[in-house]
Amino acid sequence: MRENKCSIELYTKFLIGSQKQYSGVELSRVSPEEMAHDAVSGWLSSKKLTPQLLWQESRKQVQLKEGYLIVDDTLLDKPYAKKIELAKKQYSGKHHGVVNGINIVNLVWTDGQKIIPVDYRVYFLQGDGKTKNDHAREMLHQANKREFKPCYVLMDAWFTSVDNLKAVDALGWKWVGEIKLNRQVSLKKGTYQAVSDLHWTDKPVQKVWMKAYGFVMVSKIVAPNGNIAYLATNDLSLPDAETIKDHYALRWNIETFHRGIKQCCGIERCYSTKQRSQRNHILCAFLAFLKLEFNRIVSAVSWYEQKWDIPRLAVKAFLL
């Protein structure tokens, strides 16, 4: 049997180097070694790459007993793909509506400077029966086995379900997360009200009993544009609303990561209909992002500049 000329190293570099086209045909055209495009599609569909490979690389850049772990999901747009096995109609925060795509639940570590993806799961309920929250808890338990001891776990309102919060508690960790405005809390035993109905005029942070959970500190945050968010934490020692807000602000790093992996690593641009090919492409996109992030940390050159440096060299050579 002939050895496949495509490899994880070659494919990952291709995702970084290519500016727009991410197909097997394009890789076969630019490969330093002559290769048929069928070799690329064959490699993508035959290998079984898993998130464990991501951890093997990302573990080099994290401090297990420092920083934050952030849980969030993102949707890979597949608007015209009706036959991709992992894609289905689901809600997109980007489009504020239901679109066709592949959902990924991600776990990112950050210290405020580095943005390091350490784990992810492809959401495919009809395949494995797991919800997004199931995947989130699974990754948190895996992070505990890997000996993470984060300062806080950060989550948006989608992931602050009672089961998720109790799972973080069971690991002995602290969390800070947004809760929905109708979340039921109590100042007096047996009497519940929506968190938005609390008296907030002179109490920017309050200790309340969250229904089905326990005591939390909760604060009301009003953004400059008038948007209101309610943040909660199981760390009852946090002194004020600004401190809670400052910790939660680091959650935005995962949104930055989502933007970077889509714009710089072609994670949405796999054209195969096969589930295994899509999964392998996603893993390679994560590895490509790590390479860009590692270089950003060392050289202080943004992901976008790293991408543009590649065609600049080609254009410069063309102009000579």
Protein backbone atom coordinates (compact mmCIF):
# COMPACT_ATOMS: atom_id res chain seq x y z
CA MET A 1 0.00 0.00 0.00
CA ARG A 2 1.34 3.42 -0.94
CA GLU A 3 2.00 5.83 1.89
CA ASN A 4 -0.35 8.81 1.86
CA LYS A 5 1.59 11.97 1.09
CA CYS A 6 -0.75 14.14 3.14
CA SER A 7 -0.06 14.50 6.86
CA ILE A 8 -1.28 16.41 9.88
CA GLU A 9 1.78 18.68 9.72
CA LEU A 10 1.28 19.50 6.03
CA TYR A 11 -2.46 20.04 6.36
CA THR A 12 -2.07 22.26 9.43
CA LYS A 13 0.52 24.44 7.70
CA PHE A 14 -1.76 24.67 4.67
CA LEU A 15 -4.59 26.03 6.85
CA ILE A 16 -2.24 28.76 8.08
CA GLY A 17 -0.74 29.56 4.67
CA SER A 18 -3.87 29.56 2.53
CA GLN A 19 -5.73 32.85 2.39
CA LYS A 20 -9.07 31.76 0.95
CA GLN A 21 -9.13 28.31 -0.65
CA TYR A 22 -8.89 25.36 1.73
CA SER A 23 -9.84 22.45 -0.54
CA GLY A 24 -7.88 19.30 -1.20
CA VAL A 25 -7.49 20.42 -4.80
CA GLU A 26 -5.79 23.63 -3.66
CA LEU A 27 -3.48 21.76 -1.28
CA SER A 28 -2.46 19.39 -4.08
CA ARG A 29 -1.57 22.42 -6.23
CA VAL A 30 0.68 24.06 -3.64
CA SER A 31 2.16 20.96 -1.99
CA PRO A 32 5.99 20.90 -2.18
CA GLU A 33 5.70 17.21 -3.11
CA GLU A 34 3.55 16.16 -6.04
CA MET A 35 0.25 14.93 -4.69
CA ALA A 36 -3.18 14.15 -6.09
CA HIS A 37 -6.16 15.89 -4.50
CA ASP A 38 -7.61 12.43 -3.80
CA ALA A 39 -4.72 11.88 -1.41
CA VAL A 40 -5.95 14.78 0.70
CA SER A 41 -9.58 13.68 0.78
CA GLY A 42 -8.49 10.10 1.42
CA TRP A 43 -6.31 11.17 4.34
CA LEU A 44 -9.05 13.34 5.84
CA SER A 45 -11.63 10.58 5.72
CA SER A 46 -9.39 7.73 6.94
CA LYS A 47 -7.53 9.21 9.92
CA LYS A 48 -9.11 9.48 13.37
CA LEU A 49 -7.76 12.63 14.97
CA THR A 50 -9.10 13.44 18.45
CA PRO A 51 -9.00 16.41 20.87
CA GLN A 52 -6.28 14.55 22.80
CA LEU A 53 -3.87 15.69 20.09
CA LEU A 54 -4.81 19.29 20.85
CA TRP A 55 -3.98 18.81 24.53
CA GLN A 56 -0.58 17.30 23.68
CA GLU A 57 0.32 20.62 22.09
CA SER A 58 -1.55 23.11 24.27
CA ARG A 59 -0.29 21.70 27.58
CA LYS A 60 3.10 23.27 26.80
CA GLN A 61 1.64 26.78 27.11
CA VAL A 62 -0.64 26.62 30.16
CA GLN A 63 -0.04 27.05 33.87
CA LEU A 64 -2.27 24.48 35.52
CA LYS A 65 -2.67 26.28 38.83
CA GLU A 66 -3.16 29.77 37.45
CA GLY A 67 -5.46 31.54 35.02
CA TYR A 68 -9.04 30.91 34.00
CA LEU A 69 -10.96 28.21 32.18
CA ILE A 70 -13.69 29.46 29.84
CA VAL A 71 -16.53 27.36 28.45
CA ASP A 72 -18.47 28.46 25.39
CA ASP A 73 -19.73 27.17 22.07
CA THR A 74 -19.51 28.47 18.53
CA LEU A 75 -21.27 27.64 15.28
CA LEU A 76 -19.40 26.92 12.07
CA ASP A 77 -21.53 28.32 9.27
CA LYS A 78 -22.54 25.82 6.58
CA PRO A 79 -25.33 27.79 4.85
CA TYR A 80 -25.28 25.86 1.57
CA ALA A 81 -24.35 22.40 2.85
CA LYS A 82 -27.43 20.22 2.97
CA LYS A 83 -25.62 16.88 3.10
CA ILE A 84 -22.79 17.42 5.60
CA GLU A 85 -23.35 14.80 8.27
CA LEU A 86 -22.56 17.00 11.29
CA ALA A 87 -24.42 20.08 10.10
CA LYS A 88 -27.98 20.92 11.10
CA LYS A 89 -30.25 23.90 11.66
CA GLN A 90 -29.45 25.57 14.98
CA TYR A 91 -29.31 28.97 16.63
CA SER A 92 -26.41 31.27 15.82
CA GLY A 93 -25.48 34.18 18.08
CA LYS A 94 -23.67 35.79 15.16
CA HIS A 95 -26.77 35.77 12.95
CA HIS A 96 -29.28 36.08 15.81
CA GLY A 97 -31.33 33.35 14.24
CA VAL A 98 -31.42 29.73 13.11
CA VAL A 99 -28.87 28.77 10.45
CA ASN A 100 -27.27 25.59 9.15
CA GLY A 101 -23.96 24.72 10.75
CA ILE A 102 -21.75 22.58 12.98
CA ASN A 103 -21.63 23.47 16.67
CA ILE A 104 -18.48 23.07 18.73
CA VAL A 105 -18.26 23.38 22.53
CA ASN A 106 -14.85 24.73 23.53
CA LEU A 107 -12.71 24.95 26.65
CA VAL A 108 -10.09 27.71 26.60
CA TRP A 109 -7.43 28.58 29.16
CA THR A 110 -6.26 32.17 29.56
CA ASP A 111 -4.17 34.21 31.92
CA GLY A 112 -5.37 37.43 30.36
CA GLN A 113 -2.58 37.43 27.76
CA LYS A 114 -2.45 33.95 26.27
CA ILE A 115 -5.51 32.35 24.68
CA ILE A 116 -4.99 28.58 24.65
CA PRO A 117 -7.70 26.11 23.56
CA VAL A 118 -7.23 22.96 25.64
CA ASP A 119 -10.27 20.88 24.72
CA TYR A 120 -13.35 20.84 22.49
CA ARG A 121 -16.30 18.65 21.57
CA VAL A 122 -18.37 18.54 18.39
CA TYR A 123 -22.06 18.80 19.27
CA PHE A 124 -23.85 15.94 17.50
CA LEU A 125 -26.84 14.96 19.63
CA GLN A 126 -28.25 12.44 17.19
CA GLY A 127 -24.87 10.69 17.08
CA ASP A 128 -23.78 10.45 20.72
CA GLY A 129 -26.86 11.63 22.66
CA LYS A 130 -24.89 14.36 24.47
CA THR A 131 -26.12 17.93 24.95
CA LYS A 132 -23.85 20.96 24.91
CA ASN A 133 -23.98 21.00 28.71
CA ASP A 134 -23.01 17.32 28.83
CA HIS A 135 -19.96 18.14 26.72
CA ALA A 136 -19.11 21.11 28.94
CA ARG A 137 -19.18 19.00 32.12
CA GLU A 138 -17.18 16.26 30.43
CA MET A 139 -14.44 18.71 29.50
CA LEU A 140 -14.36 20.22 32.98
CA HIS A 141 -13.95 16.77 34.52
CA GLN A 142 -11.19 16.06 32.02
CA ALA A 143 -9.49 19.34 32.96
CA ASN A 144 -9.61 18.28 36.60
CA LYS A 145 -7.92 14.96 35.70
CA ARG A 146 -5.25 17.00 33.93
CA GLU A 147 -4.70 18.79 37.27
CA PHE A 148 -6.03 22.22 36.35
CA LYS A 149 -6.71 24.46 39.35
CA PRO A 150 -8.14 27.61 37.76
CA CYS A 151 -8.81 30.83 39.61
CA TYR A 152 -12.32 30.77 38.14
CA VAL A 153 -14.38 29.01 35.52
CA LEU A 154 -16.09 31.61 33.32
CA MET A 155 -19.41 30.95 31.55
CA ASP A 156 -22.12 32.90 29.77
CA ALA A 157 -25.81 32.48 30.54
CA TRP A 158 -26.15 29.42 28.30
CA PHE A 159 -23.80 27.35 30.46
CA THR A 160 -24.74 28.49 33.98
CA SER A 161 -27.31 25.73 34.43
CA VAL A 162 -27.67 24.29 37.93
CA ASP A 163 -26.09 21.00 36.86
CA ASN A 164 -23.06 22.79 35.42
CA LEU A 165 -22.60 24.98 38.49
CA LYS A 166 -22.84 21.99 40.81
CA ALA A 167 -20.32 20.15 38.64
CA VAL A 168 -17.84 23.02 39.10
CA ASP A 169 -18.55 22.99 42.86
CA ALA A 170 -17.87 19.25 43.00
CA LEU A 171 -14.41 19.87 41.55
CA GLY A 172 -13.70 22.38 44.32
CA TRP A 173 -13.48 25.29 41.88
CA LYS A 174 -14.95 28.79 41.84
CA TRP A 175 -16.98 30.17 38.99
CA VAL A 176 -18.19 33.51 37.65
CA GLY A 177 -20.98 33.55 35.11
CA GLU A 178 -23.84 35.48 33.61
CA ILE A 179 -27.35 34.41 34.60
CA LYS A 180 -30.63 35.11 32.84
CA LEU A 181 -32.76 37.98 34.11
CA ASN A 182 -35.58 35.60 35.13
CA ARG A 183 -33.29 33.38 37.26
CA GLN A 184 -35.09 32.69 40.52
CA VAL A 185 -33.35 33.91 43.68
CA SER A 186 -34.39 34.46 47.27
CA LEU A 187 -33.59 36.96 50.00
CA LYS A 188 -36.07 35.32 52.34
CA LYS A 189 -36.49 31.56 52.77
CA GLY A 190 -39.35 30.18 50.69
CA THR A 191 -39.89 33.39 48.69
CA TYR A 192 -38.43 33.60 45.20
CA GLN A 193 -38.27 36.35 42.62
CA ALA A 194 -36.51 37.01 39.34
CA VAL A 195 -33.01 38.40 39.82
CA SER A 196 -34.05 41.42 37.73
CA ASP A 197 -36.74 42.24 40.32
CA LEU A 198 -34.29 42.66 43.19
CA HIS A 199 -33.89 46.17 44.60
CA TRP A 200 -30.69 47.34 42.89
CA THR A 201 -30.72 51.08 43.57
CA ASP A 202 -28.27 51.07 46.48
CA LYS A 203 -27.06 47.46 46.37
CA PRO A 204 -24.74 46.83 43.38
CA VAL A 205 -23.90 43.35 44.73
CA GLN A 206 -26.10 41.10 46.87
CA LYS A 207 -25.85 37.73 48.54
CA VAL A 208 -28.87 35.63 47.57
CA TRP A 209 -30.02 32.03 47.52
CA MET A 210 -30.24 30.76 43.93
CA LYS A 211 -33.07 28.30 43.47
CA ALA A 212 -31.95 24.64 43.37
CA TYR A 213 -28.35 25.71 43.92
CA GLY A 214 -27.37 27.70 47.01
CA PHE A 215 -25.85 31.00 48.09
CA VAL A 216 -24.22 33.19 45.45
CA MET A 217 -23.09 36.77 45.11
CA VAL A 218 -24.97 38.48 42.30
CA SER A 219 -24.44 41.88 40.70
CA LYS A 220 -26.18 44.01 38.11
CA ILE A 221 -23.95 45.37 35.35
CA VAL A 222 -25.13 48.19 33.11
CA ALA A 223 -23.11 48.63 29.93
CA PRO A 224 -22.48 52.07 28.38
CA ASN A 225 -25.03 51.25 25.66
CA GLY A 226 -27.66 50.52 28.29
CA ASN A 227 -27.56 46.73 28.07
CA ILE A 228 -28.00 45.01 31.41
CA ALA A 229 -26.34 41.79 32.54
CA TYR A 230 -26.57 39.89 35.81
CA LEU A 231 -23.36 38.26 36.98
CA ALA A 232 -23.14 35.66 39.73
CA THR A 233 -20.39 33.75 41.51
CA ASN A 234 -20.04 31.09 44.17
CA ASP A 235 -17.07 33.01 45.60
CA LEU A 236 -18.82 34.76 48.48
CA SER A 237 -15.59 36.58 49.39
CA LEU A 238 -15.57 38.82 46.31
CA PRO A 239 -15.93 42.33 47.73
CA ASP A 240 -17.81 44.31 45.08
CA ALA A 241 -19.49 44.34 41.68
CA GLU A 242 -16.44 45.77 39.92
CA THR A 243 -14.27 42.84 41.02
CA ILE A 244 -16.86 40.36 39.75
CA LYS A 245 -17.08 42.30 36.49
CA ASP A 246 -13.29 42.38 36.09
CA HIS A 247 -13.03 38.61 36.41
CA TYR A 248 -15.91 38.01 34.01
CA ALA A 249 -14.44 40.42 31.44
CA LEU A 250 -11.77 37.82 30.67
CA ARG A 251 -14.51 35.57 29.24
CA TRP A 252 -14.32 37.69 26.10
CA ASN A 253 -11.03 35.96 25.25
CA ILE A 254 -12.95 32.93 24.03
CA GLU A 255 -14.93 35.15 21.66
CA THR A 256 -11.61 36.47 20.35
CA PHE A 257 -10.49 32.87 19.91
CA HIS A 258 -13.65 32.00 17.96
CA ARG A 259 -13.07 34.93 15.62
CA GLY A 260 -9.41 34.04 15.14
CA ILE A 261 -9.89 30.36 14.36
CA LYS A 262 -12.59 31.20 11.80
CA GLN A 263 -10.78 34.07 10.09
CA CYS A 264 -7.22 32.75 10.21
CA CYS A 265 -7.47 28.94 10.20
CA GLY A 266 -10.27 28.10 7.78
CA ILE A 267 -12.18 26.02 10.31
CA GLU A 268 -15.48 26.65 8.48
CA ARG A 269 -14.03 25.90 5.04
CA CYS A 270 -14.03 22.11 4.83
CA TYR A 271 -16.15 21.00 1.88
CA SER A 272 -16.41 17.28 2.61
CA THR A 273 -19.80 15.77 3.47
CA LYS A 274 -18.21 13.05 5.59
CA GLN A 275 -18.34 13.35 9.37
CA ARG A 276 -14.81 12.02 9.89
CA SER A 277 -13.34 14.46 7.37
CA GLN A 278 -15.06 17.39 9.08
CA ARG A 279 -13.82 16.29 12.50
CA ASN A 280 -10.24 15.92 11.28
CA HIS A 281 -10.35 19.31 9.57
CA ILE A 282 -11.61 20.89 12.81
CA LEU A 283 -8.78 19.34 14.83
CA CYS A 284 -6.19 20.59 12.34
CA ALA A 285 -7.71 24.09 12.49
CA PHE A 286 -7.24 24.04 16.28
CA LEU A 287 -3.62 23.01 15.84
CA ALA A 288 -3.14 25.76 13.26
CA PHE A 289 -4.51 28.30 15.72
CA LEU A 290 -2.08 27.08 18.38
CA LYS A 291 0.83 27.65 16.03
CA LEU A 292 -0.35 31.20 15.35
CA GLU A 293 -0.94 31.87 19.04
CA PHE A 294 2.43 30.44 20.10
CA ASN A 295 4.14 32.73 17.57
CA ARG A 296 2.06 35.71 18.71
CA ILE A 297 3.21 35.13 22.28
CA VAL A 298 6.88 34.93 21.26
CA SER A 299 7.04 37.59 18.55
CA ALA A 300 4.12 39.89 19.46
CA VAL A 301 2.89 39.62 15.85
CA SER A 302 -0.88 39.23 15.55
CA TRP A 303 -2.50 36.21 13.90
CA TYR A 304 -3.66 38.43 11.05
CA GLU A 305 -0.21 39.87 10.38
CA GLN A 306 1.26 36.38 10.39
CA LYS A 307 -1.27 35.36 7.75
CA TRP A 308 -0.63 38.42 5.58
CA ASP A 309 3.16 38.05 5.76
CA ILE A 310 2.84 34.91 3.61
CA PRO A 311 1.19 36.44 0.48
CA ARG A 312 3.24 39.61 0.90
CA LEU A 313 6.38 37.59 0.17
CA ALA A 314 4.75 36.14 -2.95
CA VAL A 315 3.57 39.56 -4.15
CA LYS A 316 7.01 41.05 -3.52
CA ALA A 317 8.67 38.27 -5.52
CA PHE A 318 6.14 38.78 -8.33
CA LEU A 319 6.91 42.50 -8.48
CA LEU A 320 10.65 42.02 -8.89
